[in-house]
Amino acid sequence: MGLLKTILYLLVFYYVFTFLARLLAPFLIKKAAETIQKKAEQQFGYQQPKSGVREGETIIDKAPRKDQQGKDTVGEYVDFEEID
């Protein structure tokens, strides 16, 4: 009789545990993701821009230089003929 009680208790514990895990898992995962995100922001010094920048606006700090060399000055073309 003791063996059947033990098996019954294990089964009840298993089903209660899986039920609670399904209810609490999304909450726990969300909290863990928020914690990881906060740690990453602190580590990399990420700060939200607070001055007149709207969401979706792009800011370019440095414009590309105009005097960049084009593909024409990459090298010299050498014409060749195939010899049999």
PDB file of N, CA and C in Angstrom:
ATOM      1  N   MET A   1       0.816  -1.191   0.000  1.00  0.00           N
ATOM      2  CA  MET A   1       0.000   0.000   0.000  1.00  0.00           C
ATOM      3  C   MET A   1       0.866   1.264   0.000  1.00  0.00           C
ATOM      4  N   GLY A   2       2.005   1.213   0.684  1.00  0.00           N
ATOM      5  CA  GLY A   2       2.920   2.363   0.750  1.00  0.00           C
ATOM      6  C   GLY A   2       3.497   2.704  -0.613  1.00  0.00           C
ATOM      7  N   LEU A   3       3.742   1.652  -1.419  1.00  0.00           N
ATOM      8  CA  LEU A   3       4.281   1.880  -2.760  1.00  0.00           C
ATOM      9  C   LEU A   3       3.262   2.606  -3.640  1.00  0.00           C
ATOM     10  N   LEU A   4       2.005   2.235  -3.543  1.00  0.00           N
ATOM     11  CA  LEU A   4       0.962   2.891  -4.339  1.00  0.00           C
ATOM     12  C   LEU A   4       0.782   4.356  -3.923  1.00  0.00           C
ATOM     13  N   LYS A   5       0.876   4.632  -2.608  1.00  0.00           N
ATOM     14  CA  LYS A   5       0.773   6.018  -2.138  1.00  0.00           C
ATOM     15  C   LYS A   5       1.931   6.858  -2.675  1.00  0.00           C
ATOM     16  N   THR A   6       3.110   6.287  -2.667  1.00  0.00           N
ATOM     17  CA  THR A   6       4.290   7.003  -3.155  1.00  0.00           C
ATOM     18  C   THR A   6       4.150   7.311  -4.639  1.00  0.00           C
ATOM     19  N   ILE A   7       3.709   6.335  -5.410  1.00  0.00           N
ATOM     20  CA  ILE A   7       3.516   6.541  -6.846  1.00  0.00           C
ATOM     21  C   ILE A   7       2.431   7.585  -7.084  1.00  0.00           C
ATOM     22  N   LEU A   8       1.356   7.536  -6.319  1.00  0.00           N
ATOM     23  CA  LEU A   8       0.283   8.519  -6.442  1.00  0.00           C
ATOM     24  C   LEU A   8       0.778   9.925  -6.120  1.00  0.00           C
ATOM     25  N   TYR A   9       1.561  10.051  -5.036  1.00  0.00           N
ATOM     26  CA  TYR A   9       2.113  11.368  -4.673  1.00  0.00           C
ATOM     27  C   TYR A   9       3.054  11.895  -5.760  1.00  0.00           C
ATOM     28  N   LEU A  10       3.857  11.022  -6.322  1.00  0.00           N
ATOM     29  CA  LEU A  10       4.764  11.444  -7.392  1.00  0.00           C
ATOM     30  C   LEU A  10       3.991  11.912  -8.622  1.00  0.00           C
ATOM     31  N   LEU A  11       2.944  11.197  -8.978  1.00  0.00           N
ATOM     32  CA  LEU A  11       2.144  11.596 -10.130  1.00  0.00           C
ATOM     33  C   LEU A  11       1.437  12.933  -9.884  1.00  0.00           C
ATOM     34  N   VAL A  12       0.873  13.110  -8.696  1.00  0.00           N
ATOM     35  CA  VAL A  12       0.207  14.371  -8.366  1.00  0.00           C
ATOM     36  C   VAL A  12       1.216  15.513  -8.376  1.00  0.00           C
ATOM     37  N   PHE A  13       2.373  15.281  -7.768  1.00  0.00           N
ATOM     38  CA  PHE A  13       3.416  16.319  -7.767  1.00  0.00           C
ATOM     39  C   PHE A  13       3.843  16.656  -9.192  1.00  0.00           C
ATOM     40  N   TYR A  14       4.013  15.662 -10.047  1.00  0.00           N
ATOM     41  CA  TYR A  14       4.428  15.881 -11.431  1.00  0.00           C
ATOM     42  C   TYR A  14       3.412  16.739 -12.180  1.00  0.00           C
ATOM     43  N   TYR A  15       2.122  16.394 -12.071  1.00  0.00           N
ATOM     44  CA  TYR A  15       1.100  17.150 -12.795  1.00  0.00           C
ATOM     45  C   TYR A  15       0.924  18.563 -12.242  1.00  0.00           C
ATOM     46  N   VAL A  16       1.023  18.731 -10.940  1.00  0.00           N
ATOM     47  CA  VAL A  16       0.933  20.078 -10.350  1.00  0.00           C
ATOM     48  C   VAL A  16       2.136  20.913 -10.792  1.00  0.00           C
ATOM     49  N   PHE A  17       3.308  20.307 -10.777  1.00  0.00           N
ATOM     50  CA  PHE A  17       4.517  21.022 -11.193  1.00  0.00           C
ATOM     51  C   PHE A  17       4.447  21.449 -12.662  1.00  0.00           C
ATOM     52  N   THR A  18       4.022  20.557 -13.549  1.00  0.00           N
ATOM     53  CA  THR A  18       3.924  20.916 -14.969  1.00  0.00           C
ATOM     54  C   THR A  18       2.856  21.981 -15.196  1.00  0.00           C
ATOM     55  N   PHE A  19       1.755  21.921 -14.455  1.00  0.00           N
ATOM     56  CA  PHE A  19       0.705  22.929 -14.591  1.00  0.00           C
ATOM     57  C   PHE A  19       1.222  24.303 -14.159  1.00  0.00           C
ATOM     58  N   LEU A  20       1.884  24.353 -13.023  1.00  0.00           N
ATOM     59  CA  LEU A  20       2.432  25.629 -12.546  1.00  0.00           C
ATOM     60  C   LEU A  20       3.549  26.138 -13.456  1.00  0.00           C
ATOM     61  N   ALA A  21       4.329  25.236 -14.002  1.00  0.00           N
ATOM     62  CA  ALA A  21       5.400  25.645 -14.908  1.00  0.00           C
ATOM     63  C   ALA A  21       4.827  26.301 -16.161  1.00  0.00           C
ATOM     64  N   ARG A  22       3.736  25.765 -16.675  1.00  0.00           N
ATOM     65  CA  ARG A  22       3.116  26.355 -17.861  1.00  0.00           C
ATOM     66  C   ARG A  22       2.531  27.732 -17.567  1.00  0.00           C
ATOM     67  N   LEU A  23       2.042  27.927 -16.352  1.00  0.00           N
ATOM     68  CA  LEU A  23       1.489  29.223 -15.983  1.00  0.00           C
ATOM     69  C   LEU A  23       2.576  30.257 -15.719  1.00  0.00           C
ATOM     70  N   LEU A  24       3.659  29.852 -15.065  1.00  0.00           N
ATOM     71  CA  LEU A  24       4.688  30.790 -14.630  1.00  0.00           C
ATOM     72  C   LEU A  24       5.833  30.961 -15.623  1.00  0.00           C
ATOM     73  N   ALA A  25       6.002  30.056 -16.555  1.00  0.00           N
ATOM     74  CA  ALA A  25       7.134  30.117 -17.481  1.00  0.00           C
ATOM     75  C   ALA A  25       7.170  31.417 -18.287  1.00  0.00           C
ATOM     76  N   PRO A  26       6.079  31.876 -18.898  1.00  0.00           N
ATOM     77  CA  PRO A  26       6.172  33.126 -19.656  1.00  0.00           C
ATOM     78  C   PRO A  26       6.591  34.320 -18.790  1.00  0.00           C
ATOM     79  N   PHE A  27       6.070  34.385 -17.569  1.00  0.00           N
ATOM     80  CA  PHE A  27       6.435  35.474 -16.673  1.00  0.00           C
ATOM     81  C   PHE A  27       7.921  35.415 -16.317  1.00  0.00           C
ATOM     82  N   LEU A  28       8.419  34.222 -15.998  1.00  0.00           N
ATOM     83  CA  LEU A  28       9.820  34.077 -15.626  1.00  0.00           C
ATOM     84  C   LEU A  28      10.757  34.372 -16.797  1.00  0.00           C
ATOM     85  N   ILE A  29      10.379  33.945 -17.989  1.00  0.00           N
ATOM     86  CA  ILE A  29      11.207  34.205 -19.168  1.00  0.00           C
ATOM     87  C   ILE A  29      11.241  35.696 -19.472  1.00  0.00           C
ATOM     88  N   LYS A  30      10.101  36.372 -19.336  1.00  0.00           N
ATOM     89  CA  LYS A  30      10.054  37.811 -19.579  1.00  0.00           C
ATOM     90  C   LYS A  30      10.949  38.551 -18.587  1.00  0.00           C
ATOM     91  N   LYS A  31      10.880  38.183 -17.315  1.00  0.00           N
ATOM     92  CA  LYS A  31      11.723  38.818 -16.297  1.00  0.00           C
ATOM     93  C   LYS A  31      13.198  38.568 -16.578  1.00  0.00           C
ATOM     94  N   ALA A  32      13.550  37.352 -16.967  1.00  0.00           N
ATOM     95  CA  ALA A  32      14.946  37.034 -17.270  1.00  0.00           C
ATOM     96  C   ALA A  32      15.438  37.839 -18.462  1.00  0.00           C
ATOM     97  N   ALA A  33      14.604  37.998 -19.498  1.00  0.00           N
ATOM     98  CA  ALA A  33      14.994  38.773 -20.678  1.00  0.00           C
ATOM     99  C   ALA A  33      15.196  40.234 -20.310  1.00  0.00           C
ATOM    100  N   GLU A  34      14.328  40.787 -19.464  1.00  0.00           N
ATOM    101  CA  GLU A  34      14.485  42.173 -19.041  1.00  0.00           C
ATOM    102  C   GLU A  34      15.773  42.363 -18.247  1.00  0.00           C
ATOM    103  N   THR A  35      16.087  41.431 -17.385  1.00  0.00           N
ATOM    104  CA  THR A  35      17.315  41.509 -16.595  1.00  0.00           C
ATOM    105  C   THR A  35      18.549  41.462 -17.489  1.00  0.00           C
ATOM    106  N   ILE A  36      18.546  40.568 -18.458  1.00  0.00           N
ATOM    107  CA  ILE A  36      19.679  40.449 -19.382  1.00  0.00           C
ATOM    108  C   ILE A  36      19.813  41.720 -20.206  1.00  0.00           C
ATOM    109  N   GLN A  37      18.699  42.296 -20.641  1.00  0.00           N
ATOM    110  CA  GLN A  37      18.740  43.517 -21.429  1.00  0.00           C
ATOM    111  C   GLN A  37      19.310  44.675 -20.603  1.00  0.00           C
ATOM    112  N   LYS A  38      18.908  44.798 -19.356  1.00  0.00           N
ATOM    113  CA  LYS A  38      19.431  45.861 -18.497  1.00  0.00           C
ATOM    114  C   LYS A  38      20.936  45.710 -18.281  1.00  0.00           C
ATOM    115  N   LYS A  39      21.385  44.484 -18.075  1.00  0.00           N
ATOM    116  CA  LYS A  39      22.817  44.251 -17.888  1.00  0.00           C
ATOM    117  C   LYS A  39      23.602  44.603 -19.149  1.00  0.00           C
ATOM    118  N   ALA A  40      23.059  44.265 -20.311  1.00  0.00           N
ATOM    119  CA  ALA A  40      23.732  44.578 -21.568  1.00  0.00           C
ATOM    120  C   ALA A  40      23.787  46.088 -21.781  1.00  0.00           C
ATOM    121  N   GLU A  41      22.715  46.790 -21.453  1.00  0.00           N
ATOM    122  CA  GLU A  41      22.707  48.245 -21.595  1.00  0.00           C
ATOM    123  C   GLU A  41      23.738  48.884 -20.668  1.00  0.00           C
ATOM    124  N   GLN A  42      23.865  48.375 -19.465  1.00  0.00           N
ATOM    125  CA  GLN A  42      24.854  48.920 -18.536  1.00  0.00           C
ATOM    126  C   GLN A  42      26.274  48.620 -19.010  1.00  0.00           C
ATOM    127  N   GLN A  43      26.478  47.432 -19.540  1.00  0.00           N
ATOM    128  CA  GLN A  43      27.811  47.038 -19.964  1.00  0.00           C
ATOM    129  C   GLN A  43      28.281  47.853 -21.162  1.00  0.00           C
ATOM    130  N   PHE A  44      27.414  48.097 -22.120  1.00  0.00           N
ATOM    131  CA  PHE A  44      27.810  48.791 -23.329  1.00  0.00           C
ATOM    132  C   PHE A  44      27.517  50.279 -23.280  1.00  0.00           C
ATOM    133  N   GLY A  45      26.993  50.767 -22.189  1.00  0.00           N
ATOM    134  CA  GLY A  45      26.759  52.193 -22.037  1.00  0.00           C
ATOM    135  C   GLY A  45      25.703  52.726 -22.981  1.00  0.00           C
ATOM    136  N   TYR A  46      24.707  51.943 -23.257  1.00  0.00           N
ATOM    137  CA  TYR A  46      23.646  52.358 -24.173  1.00  0.00           C
ATOM    138  C   TYR A  46      22.759  53.386 -23.500  1.00  0.00           C
ATOM    139  N   GLN A  47      22.532  54.511 -24.183  1.00  0.00           N
ATOM    140  CA  GLN A  47      21.655  55.543 -23.649  1.00  0.00           C
ATOM    141  C   GLN A  47      20.710  55.990 -24.749  1.00  0.00           C
ATOM    142  N   GLN A  48      19.483  56.217 -24.373  1.00  0.00           N
ATOM    143  CA  GLN A  48      18.495  56.712 -25.328  1.00  0.00           C
ATOM    144  C   GLN A  48      18.802  58.171 -25.645  1.00  0.00           C
ATOM    145  N   PRO A  49      18.771  58.577 -26.917  1.00  0.00           N
ATOM    146  CA  PRO A  49      18.964  59.992 -27.228  1.00  0.00           C
ATOM    147  C   PRO A  49      17.789  60.807 -26.693  1.00  0.00           C
ATOM    148  N   LYS A  50      18.092  61.851 -25.936  1.00  0.00           N
ATOM    149  CA  LYS A  50      17.050  62.625 -25.296  1.00  0.00           C
ATOM    150  C   LYS A  50      16.771  63.930 -26.012  1.00  0.00           C
ATOM    151  N   SER A  51      17.664  64.372 -26.874  1.00  0.00           N
ATOM    152  CA  SER A  51      17.455  65.633 -27.564  1.00  0.00           C
ATOM    153  C   SER A  51      16.613  65.416 -28.799  1.00  0.00           C
ATOM    154  N   GLY A  52      15.779  66.278 -29.161  1.00  0.00           N
ATOM    155  CA  GLY A  52      14.846  66.346 -30.263  1.00  0.00           C
ATOM    156  C   GLY A  52      14.870  65.256 -31.315  1.00  0.00           C
ATOM    157  N   VAL A  53      15.203  64.052 -31.009  1.00  0.00           N
ATOM    158  CA  VAL A  53      15.219  62.978 -31.990  1.00  0.00           C
ATOM    159  C   VAL A  53      13.923  62.201 -31.855  1.00  0.00           C
ATOM    160  N   ARG A  54      13.215  62.121 -32.963  1.00  0.00           N
ATOM    161  CA  ARG A  54      11.965  61.365 -32.954  1.00  0.00           C
ATOM    162  C   ARG A  54      12.236  59.921 -33.336  1.00  0.00           C
ATOM    163  N   GLU A  55      11.307  59.074 -33.016  1.00  0.00           N
ATOM    164  CA  GLU A  55      11.437  57.664 -33.338  1.00  0.00           C
ATOM    165  C   GLU A  55      11.412  57.484 -34.850  1.00  0.00           C
ATOM    166  N   GLY A  56      12.344  56.701 -35.366  1.00  0.00           N
ATOM    167  CA  GLY A  56      12.419  56.442 -36.795  1.00  0.00           C
ATOM    168  C   GLY A  56      13.285  57.429 -37.539  1.00  0.00           C
ATOM    169  N   GLU A  57      13.770  58.469 -36.875  1.00  0.00           N
ATOM    170  CA  GLU A  57      14.607  59.466 -37.529  1.00  0.00           C
ATOM    171  C   GLU A  57      16.045  58.958 -37.566  1.00  0.00           C
ATOM    172  N   THR A  58      16.724  59.198 -38.670  1.00  0.00           N
ATOM    173  CA  THR A  58      18.092  58.762 -38.832  1.00  0.00           C
ATOM    174  C   THR A  58      19.032  59.953 -38.704  1.00  0.00           C
ATOM    175  N   ILE A  59      20.095  59.780 -37.920  1.00  0.00           N
ATOM    176  CA  ILE A  59      21.083  60.832 -37.733  1.00  0.00           C
ATOM    177  C   ILE A  59      22.408  60.329 -38.283  1.00  0.00           C
ATOM    178  N   ILE A  60      23.027  61.125 -39.140  1.00  0.00           N
ATOM    179  CA  ILE A  60      24.322  60.782 -39.704  1.00  0.00           C
ATOM    180  C   ILE A  60      25.338  61.735 -39.110  1.00  0.00           C
ATOM    181  N   ASP A  61      26.308  61.191 -38.403  1.00  0.00           N
ATOM    182  CA  ASP A  61      27.314  62.025 -37.750  1.00  0.00           C
ATOM    183  C   ASP A  61      28.376  62.512 -38.720  1.00  0.00           C
ATOM    184  N   LYS A  62      28.746  61.709 -39.687  1.00  0.00           N
ATOM    185  CA  LYS A  62      29.835  62.058 -40.585  1.00  0.00           C
ATOM    186  C   LYS A  62      29.415  61.778 -42.017  1.00  0.00           C
ATOM    187  N   ALA A  63      29.528  62.773 -42.865  1.00  0.00           N
ATOM    188  CA  ALA A  63      29.202  62.599 -44.277  1.00  0.00           C
ATOM    189  C   ALA A  63      30.390  61.931 -44.972  1.00  0.00           C
ATOM    190  N   PRO A  64      30.156  61.137 -45.994  1.00  0.00           N
ATOM    191  CA  PRO A  64      31.267  60.491 -46.702  1.00  0.00           C
ATOM    192  C   PRO A  64      32.118  61.527 -47.434  1.00  0.00           C
ATOM    193  N   ARG A  65      33.383  61.215 -47.559  1.00  0.00           N
ATOM    194  CA  ARG A  65      34.300  62.136 -48.244  1.00  0.00           C
ATOM    195  C   ARG A  65      34.016  62.147 -49.737  1.00  0.00           C
ATOM    196  N   LYS A  66      34.186  63.301 -50.360  1.00  0.00           N
ATOM    197  CA  LYS A  66      33.913  63.442 -51.790  1.00  0.00           C
ATOM    198  C   LYS A  66      35.100  63.037 -52.656  1.00  0.00           C
ATOM    199  N   ASP A  67      36.298  63.034 -52.099  1.00  0.00           N
ATOM    200  CA  ASP A  67      37.491  62.770 -52.903  1.00  0.00           C
ATOM    201  C   ASP A  67      37.903  61.294 -52.902  1.00  0.00           C
ATOM    202  N   GLN A  68      36.966  60.388 -52.747  1.00  0.00           N
ATOM    203  CA  GLN A  68      37.285  58.973 -52.784  1.00  0.00           C
ATOM    204  C   GLN A  68      37.573  58.548 -54.216  1.00  0.00           C
ATOM    205  N   GLN A  69      38.516  57.640 -54.367  1.00  0.00           N
ATOM    206  CA  GLN A  69      38.886  57.185 -55.699  1.00  0.00           C
ATOM    207  C   GLN A  69      37.836  56.215 -56.228  1.00  0.00           C
ATOM    208  N   GLY A  70      37.564  56.327 -57.508  1.00  0.00           N
ATOM    209  CA  GLY A  70      36.589  55.453 -58.138  1.00  0.00           C
ATOM    210  C   GLY A  70      37.222  54.162 -58.618  1.00  0.00           C
ATOM    211  N   LYS A  71      36.466  53.368 -59.316  1.00  0.00           N
ATOM    212  CA  LYS A  71      36.953  52.085 -59.808  1.00  0.00           C
ATOM    213  C   LYS A  71      37.923  52.270 -60.977  1.00  0.00           C
ATOM    214  N   ASP A  72      37.903  53.436 -61.626  1.00  0.00           N
ATOM    215  CA  ASP A  72      38.777  53.658 -62.774  1.00  0.00           C
ATOM    216  C   ASP A  72      40.248  53.716 -62.364  1.00  0.00           C
ATOM    217  N   THR A  73      40.542  54.114 -61.173  1.00  0.00           N
ATOM    218  CA  THR A  73      41.934  54.265 -60.753  1.00  0.00           C
ATOM    219  C   THR A  73      42.415  53.074 -59.943  1.00  0.00           C
ATOM    220  N   VAL A  74      41.709  51.969 -59.995  1.00  0.00           N
ATOM    221  CA  VAL A  74      42.082  50.809 -59.186  1.00  0.00           C
ATOM    222  C   VAL A  74      43.360  50.177 -59.707  1.00  0.00           C
ATOM    223  N   GLY A  75      43.489  50.033 -60.994  1.00  0.00           N
ATOM    224  CA  GLY A  75      44.676  49.382 -61.536  1.00  0.00           C
ATOM    225  C   GLY A  75      44.776  49.633 -63.028  1.00  0.00           C
ATOM    226  N   GLU A  76      45.781  49.022 -63.643  1.00  0.00           N
ATOM    227  CA  GLU A  76      46.017  49.220 -65.054  1.00  0.00           C
ATOM    228  C   GLU A  76      45.571  47.970 -65.812  1.00  0.00           C
ATOM    229  N   TYR A  77      44.873  48.178 -66.917  1.00  0.00           N
ATOM    230  CA  TYR A  77      44.394  47.053 -67.718  1.00  0.00           C
ATOM    231  C   TYR A  77      45.484  46.635 -68.691  1.00  0.00           C
ATOM    232  N   VAL A  78      45.786  45.346 -68.721  1.00  0.00           N
ATOM    233  CA  VAL A  78      46.793  44.819 -69.629  1.00  0.00           C
ATOM    234  C   VAL A  78      46.095  43.887 -70.598  1.00  0.00           C
ATOM    235  N   ASP A  79      46.186  44.228 -71.891  1.00  0.00           N
ATOM    236  CA  ASP A  79      45.590  43.420 -72.928  1.00  0.00           C
ATOM    237  C   ASP A  79      46.510  42.246 -73.223  1.00  0.00           C
ATOM    238  N   PHE A  80      45.948  41.076 -73.430  1.00  0.00           N
ATOM    239  CA  PHE A  80      46.774  39.913 -73.699  1.00  0.00           C
ATOM    240  C   PHE A  80      46.111  39.091 -74.790  1.00  0.00           C
ATOM    241  N   GLU A  81      46.939  38.279 -75.442  1.00  0.00           N
ATOM    242  CA  GLU A  81      46.458  37.374 -76.471  1.00  0.00           C
ATOM    243  C   GLU A  81      46.795  35.956 -76.065  1.00  0.00           C
ATOM    244  N   GLU A  82      45.904  35.045 -76.403  1.00  0.00           N
ATOM    245  CA  GLU A  82      46.153  33.656 -76.092  1.00  0.00           C
ATOM    246  C   GLU A  82      47.004  33.031 -77.183  1.00  0.00           C
ATOM    247  N   ILE A  83      48.058  32.337 -76.790  1.00  0.00           N
ATOM    248  CA  ILE A  83      48.980  31.740 -77.753  1.00  0.00           C
ATOM    249  C   ILE A  83      48.786  30.226 -77.732  1.00  0.00           C
ATOM    250  N   ASP A  84      48.663  29.628 -78.941  1.00  0.00           N
ATOM    251  CA  ASP A  84      48.484  28.175 -79.043  1.00  0.00           C
ATOM    252  C   ASP A  84      49.790  27.452 -79.079  1.00  0.00           C
TER     253      ASP A  84
END
